[in-house]
Amino acid sequence: MTNCLLAQSIKPDSSASKRAFILGFDVMNASISVFSDNKLYQGYISTQLKKHTDIVADLGYAQNTYEKNGYDASTNGFFIKAGAQYMLIKDYENPFNGFYIGGKASASFYQQEYRKIPIQGLNSGDSFVTYPQSSQSSYWLEAVAGGRVQLFNSRFLIDVQVQPRYLLYSTKQEGIKPMIISGFGRASSNFNMGFSWSIAYQF
């Protein structure tokens, strides 16, 4: 009887994984940034809220240029995201492995500069206007579909995501819709797509 009670008292805590945190950094976009004028650095932290549901928060910095159709613009600033993801398929031997879907509310606060904006000039000629750097903000919704897997027998994980985005609102400089938004990407359309390939650590 005593042995039975002792065995029950040392039963592993099945809720341990629920209290774990995962901290990830997007190495794919950070690596591309080394060889490009466009920079994107982003990371996230997540933890389990319920059995199949994680809450997650992202923080990132982006620096972008837009040179197309006569436009020459640049932005740089920080963005944040917060939301949840649901594990559709989970490895029950390792609850950190699986495929998931989710959604996030996102906001970006950035500096924007228009060095060249084409306008239709007189005498059938083209001319340009410029605007100084200004502070702007944008807001969007982001869906998430991805998967993660443990790297060998370590605490590290590989986490890959596809991120469809829909722009809700942006402030405008002189009534001009932004060409590019830090964290969102090109904003010529309200829809955009993001990708990330992250190395994460569970603790």
C-alpha atoms as a PDB file:
ATOM      1  CA  MET A   1       0.000   0.000   0.000  1.00  0.00           C
ATOM      2  CA  THR A   2       2.802   2.354   0.938  1.00  0.00           C
ATOM      3  CA  ASN A   3       4.656   1.539  -2.279  1.00  0.00           C
ATOM      4  CA  CYS A   4       1.506   2.224  -4.293  1.00  0.00           C
ATOM      5  CA  LEU A   5       1.063   5.636  -2.681  1.00  0.00           C
ATOM      6  CA  LEU A   6       4.735   6.422  -3.221  1.00  0.00           C
ATOM      7  CA  ALA A   7       4.482   5.511  -6.894  1.00  0.00           C
ATOM      8  CA  GLN A   8       1.494   7.819  -7.282  1.00  0.00           C
ATOM      9  CA  SER A   9       3.285  10.658  -5.511  1.00  0.00           C
ATOM     10  CA  ILE A  10       6.224  10.593  -7.934  1.00  0.00           C
ATOM     11  CA  LYS A  11       4.082  10.302 -11.076  1.00  0.00           C
ATOM     12  CA  PRO A  12       5.472  12.677 -13.744  1.00  0.00           C
ATOM     13  CA  ASP A  13       3.702  16.004 -14.007  1.00  0.00           C
ATOM     14  CA  SER A  14       1.820  15.782 -17.315  1.00  0.00           C
ATOM     15  CA  SER A  15       1.282  19.547 -17.270  1.00  0.00           C
ATOM     16  CA  ALA A  16       5.018  20.305 -17.510  1.00  0.00           C
ATOM     17  CA  SER A  17       4.890  20.771 -21.278  1.00  0.00           C
ATOM     18  CA  LYS A  18       1.984  23.207 -20.856  1.00  0.00           C
ATOM     19  CA  ARG A  19       4.190  25.554 -18.861  1.00  0.00           C
ATOM     20  CA  ALA A  20       6.999  25.450 -21.409  1.00  0.00           C
ATOM     21  CA  PHE A  21       7.864  28.459 -23.556  1.00  0.00           C
ATOM     22  CA  ILE A  22       9.199  28.429 -27.098  1.00  0.00           C
ATOM     23  CA  LEU A  23      11.455  31.260 -28.258  1.00  0.00           C
ATOM     24  CA  GLY A  24      12.127  31.427 -32.007  1.00  0.00           C
ATOM     25  CA  PHE A  25      14.113  33.526 -34.478  1.00  0.00           C
ATOM     26  CA  ASP A  26      13.549  33.687 -38.246  1.00  0.00           C
ATOM     27  CA  VAL A  27      16.924  32.681 -39.680  1.00  0.00           C
ATOM     28  CA  MET A  28      15.751  32.566 -43.315  1.00  0.00           C
ATOM     29  CA  ASN A  29      14.842  36.251 -43.651  1.00  0.00           C
ATOM     30  CA  ALA A  30      17.756  37.315 -41.456  1.00  0.00           C
ATOM     31  CA  SER A  31      20.139  35.463 -43.795  1.00  0.00           C
ATOM     32  CA  ILE A  32      18.576  37.017 -46.905  1.00  0.00           C
ATOM     33  CA  SER A  33      18.953  40.449 -45.279  1.00  0.00           C
ATOM     34  CA  VAL A  34      22.738  40.086 -45.315  1.00  0.00           C
ATOM     35  CA  PHE A  35      22.741  40.182 -49.130  1.00  0.00           C
ATOM     36  CA  SER A  36      19.855  42.603 -49.719  1.00  0.00           C
ATOM     37  CA  ASP A  37      18.962  46.253 -49.235  1.00  0.00           C
ATOM     38  CA  ASN A  38      15.716  45.033 -47.683  1.00  0.00           C
ATOM     39  CA  LYS A  39      16.158  43.874 -44.090  1.00  0.00           C
ATOM     40  CA  LEU A  40      13.820  41.736 -41.993  1.00  0.00           C
ATOM     41  CA  TYR A  41      14.579  40.494 -38.486  1.00  0.00           C
ATOM     42  CA  GLN A  42      11.808  38.883 -36.467  1.00  0.00           C
ATOM     43  CA  GLY A  43      11.290  36.517 -33.573  1.00  0.00           C
ATOM     44  CA  TYR A  44       8.494  35.142 -31.440  1.00  0.00           C
ATOM     45  CA  ILE A  45       7.641  33.646 -28.078  1.00  0.00           C
ATOM     46  CA  SER A  46       4.801  31.185 -27.492  1.00  0.00           C
ATOM     47  CA  THR A  47       3.366  29.034 -24.743  1.00  0.00           C
ATOM     48  CA  GLN A  48       0.537  26.540 -24.451  1.00  0.00           C
ATOM     49  CA  LEU A  49      -2.823  27.987 -23.399  1.00  0.00           C
ATOM     50  CA  LYS A  50      -4.910  24.822 -23.708  1.00  0.00           C
ATOM     51  CA  LYS A  51      -4.289  21.253 -24.811  1.00  0.00           C
ATOM     52  CA  HIS A  52      -4.090  22.073 -28.529  1.00  0.00           C
ATOM     53  CA  THR A  53      -3.855  25.871 -28.429  1.00  0.00           C
ATOM     54  CA  ASP A  54      -0.795  28.107 -28.116  1.00  0.00           C
ATOM     55  CA  ILE A  55      -0.689  31.864 -27.646  1.00  0.00           C
ATOM     56  CA  VAL A  56       2.086  33.656 -29.486  1.00  0.00           C
ATOM     57  CA  ALA A  57       3.606  37.144 -29.740  1.00  0.00           C
ATOM     58  CA  ASP A  58       6.020  38.399 -32.416  1.00  0.00           C
ATOM     59  CA  LEU A  59       8.399  41.340 -32.499  1.00  0.00           C
ATOM     60  CA  GLY A  60      10.381  42.427 -35.535  1.00  0.00           C
ATOM     61  CA  TYR A  61      12.248  45.151 -37.384  1.00  0.00           C
ATOM     62  CA  ALA A  62      12.151  45.788 -41.131  1.00  0.00           C
ATOM     63  CA  GLN A  63      13.936  48.149 -43.485  1.00  0.00           C
ATOM     64  CA  ASN A  64      12.582  48.328 -47.032  1.00  0.00           C
ATOM     65  CA  THR A  65      12.996  50.183 -50.297  1.00  0.00           C
ATOM     66  CA  TYR A  66      10.497  50.519 -53.137  1.00  0.00           C
ATOM     67  CA  GLU A  67      11.745  51.458 -56.599  1.00  0.00           C
ATOM     68  CA  LYS A  68       9.121  50.743 -59.222  1.00  0.00           C
ATOM     69  CA  ASN A  69       7.049  52.626 -61.817  1.00  0.00           C
ATOM     70  CA  GLY A  70       8.942  55.827 -61.096  1.00  0.00           C
ATOM     71  CA  TYR A  71       8.524  55.628 -57.320  1.00  0.00           C
ATOM     72  CA  ASP A  72      11.475  55.761 -54.946  1.00  0.00           C
ATOM     73  CA  ALA A  73      10.451  55.230 -51.331  1.00  0.00           C
ATOM     74  CA  SER A  74      11.894  53.699 -48.188  1.00  0.00           C
ATOM     75  CA  THR A  75      10.626  52.655 -44.762  1.00  0.00           C
ATOM     76  CA  ASN A  76      12.140  51.389 -41.542  1.00  0.00           C
ATOM     77  CA  GLY A  77      10.544  50.512 -38.244  1.00  0.00           C
ATOM     78  CA  PHE A  78       9.240  47.942 -35.800  1.00  0.00           C
ATOM     79  CA  PHE A  79       6.187  45.718 -35.918  1.00  0.00           C
ATOM     80  CA  ILE A  80       4.361  43.557 -33.389  1.00  0.00           C
ATOM     81  CA  LYS A  81       1.928  40.654 -33.720  1.00  0.00           C
ATOM     82  CA  ALA A  82      -0.203  38.781 -31.197  1.00  0.00           C
ATOM     83  CA  GLY A  83      -2.531  35.838 -31.603  1.00  0.00           C
ATOM     84  CA  ALA A  84      -3.059  32.119 -31.201  1.00  0.00           C
ATOM     85  CA  GLN A  85      -2.461  28.913 -33.114  1.00  0.00           C
ATOM     86  CA  TYR A  86      -4.215  25.552 -32.974  1.00  0.00           C
ATOM     87  CA  MET A  87      -2.381  22.248 -33.391  1.00  0.00           C
ATOM     88  CA  LEU A  88      -4.210  20.344 -36.119  1.00  0.00           C
ATOM     89  CA  ILE A  89      -1.873  17.347 -36.062  1.00  0.00           C
ATOM     90  CA  LYS A  90       0.267  16.618 -33.021  1.00  0.00           C
ATOM     91  CA  ASP A  91       2.885  13.998 -32.251  1.00  0.00           C
ATOM     92  CA  TYR A  92       1.626  12.578 -28.952  1.00  0.00           C
ATOM     93  CA  GLU A  93       5.088  11.284 -28.090  1.00  0.00           C
ATOM     94  CA  ASN A  94       6.391  14.839 -28.426  1.00  0.00           C
ATOM     95  CA  PRO A  95       3.724  17.555 -28.001  1.00  0.00           C
ATOM     96  CA  PHE A  96       6.018  20.211 -29.496  1.00  0.00           C
ATOM     97  CA  ASN A  97       5.951  18.511 -32.929  1.00  0.00           C
ATOM     98  CA  GLY A  98       3.034  18.993 -35.305  1.00  0.00           C
ATOM     99  CA  PHE A  99       1.177  21.101 -37.858  1.00  0.00           C
ATOM    100  CA  TYR A 100      -0.899  24.132 -36.898  1.00  0.00           C
ATOM    101  CA  ILE A 101      -3.063  26.991 -38.133  1.00  0.00           C
ATOM    102  CA  GLY A 102      -3.772  30.304 -36.454  1.00  0.00           C
ATOM    103  CA  GLY A 103      -4.249  34.022 -36.702  1.00  0.00           C
ATOM    104  CA  LYS A 104      -2.680  37.240 -35.449  1.00  0.00           C
ATOM    105  CA  ALA A 105      -3.490  40.923 -35.151  1.00  0.00           C
ATOM    106  CA  SER A 106      -0.519  42.984 -36.334  1.00  0.00           C
ATOM    107  CA  ALA A 107       0.657  46.583 -36.152  1.00  0.00           C
ATOM    108  CA  SER A 108       3.645  48.431 -37.598  1.00  0.00           C
ATOM    109  CA  PHE A 109       5.123  51.777 -36.534  1.00  0.00           C
ATOM    110  CA  TYR A 110       7.693  53.048 -38.996  1.00  0.00           C
ATOM    111  CA  GLN A 111       9.469  55.977 -40.625  1.00  0.00           C
ATOM    112  CA  GLN A 112       8.626  56.597 -44.272  1.00  0.00           C
ATOM    113  CA  GLU A 113      10.370  58.740 -46.880  1.00  0.00           C
ATOM    114  CA  TYR A 114       9.309  59.480 -50.458  1.00  0.00           C
ATOM    115  CA  ARG A 115      12.362  60.491 -52.467  1.00  0.00           C
ATOM    116  CA  LYS A 116      10.490  60.427 -55.760  1.00  0.00           C
ATOM    117  CA  ILE A 117       6.797  60.243 -56.657  1.00  0.00           C
ATOM    118  CA  PRO A 118       5.854  60.618 -60.328  1.00  0.00           C
ATOM    119  CA  ILE A 119       3.159  63.109 -61.302  1.00  0.00           C
ATOM    120  CA  GLN A 120       1.786  63.914 -64.723  1.00  0.00           C
ATOM    121  CA  GLY A 121       3.450  67.161 -65.702  1.00  0.00           C
ATOM    122  CA  LEU A 122       2.487  69.812 -68.161  1.00  0.00           C
ATOM    123  CA  ASN A 123       3.641  69.831 -71.788  1.00  0.00           C
ATOM    124  CA  SER A 124       3.369  66.028 -71.927  1.00  0.00           C
ATOM    125  CA  GLY A 125       6.316  65.678 -69.594  1.00  0.00           C
ATOM    126  CA  ASP A 126       6.755  63.764 -66.378  1.00  0.00           C
ATOM    127  CA  SER A 127       7.829  65.412 -63.161  1.00  0.00           C
ATOM    128  CA  PHE A 128       8.349  64.293 -59.600  1.00  0.00           C
ATOM    129  CA  VAL A 129       7.662  65.418 -56.069  1.00  0.00           C
ATOM    130  CA  THR A 130       9.420  64.455 -52.851  1.00  0.00           C
ATOM    131  CA  TYR A 131       8.252  64.295 -49.260  1.00  0.00           C
ATOM    132  CA  PRO A 132      10.403  64.277 -46.125  1.00  0.00           C
ATOM    133  CA  GLN A 133      10.585  61.436 -43.647  1.00  0.00           C
ATOM    134  CA  SER A 134       7.481  61.055 -41.504  1.00  0.00           C
ATOM    135  CA  SER A 135       6.091  58.695 -38.865  1.00  0.00           C
ATOM    136  CA  GLN A 136       3.378  56.323 -40.067  1.00  0.00           C
ATOM    137  CA  SER A 137       1.498  53.272 -38.801  1.00  0.00           C
ATOM    138  CA  SER A 138      -0.334  50.334 -40.371  1.00  0.00           C
ATOM    139  CA  TYR A 139      -2.520  47.503 -39.108  1.00  0.00           C
ATOM    140  CA  TRP A 140      -3.361  44.122 -40.609  1.00  0.00           C
ATOM    141  CA  LEU A 141      -4.675  40.632 -39.925  1.00  0.00           C
ATOM    142  CA  GLU A 142      -2.425  37.667 -40.545  1.00  0.00           C
ATOM    143  CA  ALA A 143      -3.343  34.001 -40.945  1.00  0.00           C
ATOM    144  CA  VAL A 144      -0.721  31.379 -40.114  1.00  0.00           C
ATOM    145  CA  ALA A 145      -0.200  27.836 -41.384  1.00  0.00           C
ATOM    146  CA  GLY A 146       2.932  25.980 -40.376  1.00  0.00           C
ATOM    147  CA  GLY A 147       4.674  23.097 -38.748  1.00  0.00           C
ATOM    148  CA  ARG A 148       7.446  22.483 -36.276  1.00  0.00           C
ATOM    149  CA  VAL A 149       9.656  19.524 -35.457  1.00  0.00           C
ATOM    150  CA  GLN A 150      12.283  18.804 -32.829  1.00  0.00           C
ATOM    151  CA  LEU A 151      15.862  19.039 -34.059  1.00  0.00           C
ATOM    152  CA  PHE A 152      17.464  15.674 -33.265  1.00  0.00           C
ATOM    153  CA  ASN A 153      17.269  15.026 -29.510  1.00  0.00           C
ATOM    154  CA  SER A 154      17.790  18.611 -28.396  1.00  0.00           C
ATOM    155  CA  ARG A 155      15.619  21.437 -27.082  1.00  0.00           C
ATOM    156  CA  PHE A 156      15.806  23.119 -30.489  1.00  0.00           C
ATOM    157  CA  LEU A 157      12.945  23.095 -32.992  1.00  0.00           C
ATOM    158  CA  ILE A 158      12.576  23.946 -36.673  1.00  0.00           C
ATOM    159  CA  ASP A 159       9.447  26.055 -37.238  1.00  0.00           C
ATOM    160  CA  VAL A 160       8.239  26.904 -40.766  1.00  0.00           C
ATOM    161  CA  GLN A 161       5.297  29.220 -41.508  1.00  0.00           C
ATOM    162  CA  VAL A 162       3.262  30.625 -44.398  1.00  0.00           C
ATOM    163  CA  GLN A 163       1.609  33.948 -43.504  1.00  0.00           C
ATOM    164  CA  PRO A 164      -1.224  35.320 -45.716  1.00  0.00           C
ATOM    165  CA  ARG A 165      -1.907  38.957 -44.777  1.00  0.00           C
ATOM    166  CA  TYR A 166      -4.757  41.416 -45.251  1.00  0.00           C
ATOM    167  CA  LEU A 167      -4.167  45.125 -44.689  1.00  0.00           C
ATOM    168  CA  LEU A 168      -6.876  46.812 -42.623  1.00  0.00           C
ATOM    169  CA  TYR A 169      -5.695  50.409 -42.266  1.00  0.00           C
ATOM    170  CA  SER A 170      -2.700  52.661 -42.901  1.00  0.00           C
ATOM    171  CA  THR A 171      -2.035  56.277 -42.147  1.00  0.00           C
ATOM    172  CA  LYS A 172      -1.161  58.318 -45.232  1.00  0.00           C
ATOM    173  CA  GLN A 173       1.354  61.032 -45.965  1.00  0.00           C
ATOM    174  CA  GLU A 174      -0.216  63.807 -48.053  1.00  0.00           C
ATOM    175  CA  GLY A 175      -3.078  61.422 -48.860  1.00  0.00           C
ATOM    176  CA  ILE A 176      -0.763  58.939 -50.595  1.00  0.00           C
ATOM    177  CA  LYS A 177      -1.257  55.247 -49.904  1.00  0.00           C
ATOM    178  CA  PRO A 178       2.014  53.657 -48.707  1.00  0.00           C
ATOM    179  CA  MET A 179       3.924  51.605 -51.262  1.00  0.00           C
ATOM    180  CA  ILE A 180       5.628  49.403 -48.700  1.00  0.00           C
ATOM    181  CA  ILE A 181       5.041  48.760 -44.994  1.00  0.00           C
ATOM    182  CA  SER A 182       7.547  47.507 -42.444  1.00  0.00           C
ATOM    183  CA  GLY A 183       6.548  43.972 -41.475  1.00  0.00           C
ATOM    184  CA  PHE A 184       3.763  43.744 -44.070  1.00  0.00           C
ATOM    185  CA  GLY A 185       5.776  44.157 -47.253  1.00  0.00           C
ATOM    186  CA  ARG A 186       4.595  45.708 -50.500  1.00  0.00           C
ATOM    187  CA  ALA A 187       1.241  47.387 -50.081  1.00  0.00           C
ATOM    188  CA  SER A 188       0.186  47.982 -53.695  1.00  0.00           C
ATOM    189  CA  SER A 189      -2.561  45.468 -52.820  1.00  0.00           C
ATOM    190  CA  ASN A 190      -4.278  44.862 -49.492  1.00  0.00           C
ATOM    191  CA  PHE A 191      -3.178  41.224 -49.732  1.00  0.00           C
ATOM    192  CA  ASN A 192       0.365  39.974 -49.255  1.00  0.00           C
ATOM    193  CA  MET A 193       2.139  36.771 -48.329  1.00  0.00           C
ATOM    194  CA  GLY A 194       4.943  36.200 -45.842  1.00  0.00           C
ATOM    195  CA  PHE A 195       7.196  33.240 -45.102  1.00  0.00           C
ATOM    196  CA  SER A 196       9.446  32.355 -42.193  1.00  0.00           C
ATOM    197  CA  TRP A 197      11.889  29.559 -41.381  1.00  0.00           C
ATOM    198  CA  SER A 198      12.841  29.744 -37.732  1.00  0.00           C
ATOM    199  CA  ILE A 199      15.069  28.012 -35.253  1.00  0.00           C
ATOM    200  CA  ALA A 200      13.324  27.865 -31.880  1.00  0.00           C
ATOM    201  CA  TYR A 201      14.359  26.853 -28.375  1.00  0.00           C
ATOM    202  CA  GLN A 202      12.026  25.373 -25.764  1.00  0.00           C
ATOM    203  CA  PHE A 203      12.577  26.192 -22.106  1.00  0.00           C
END
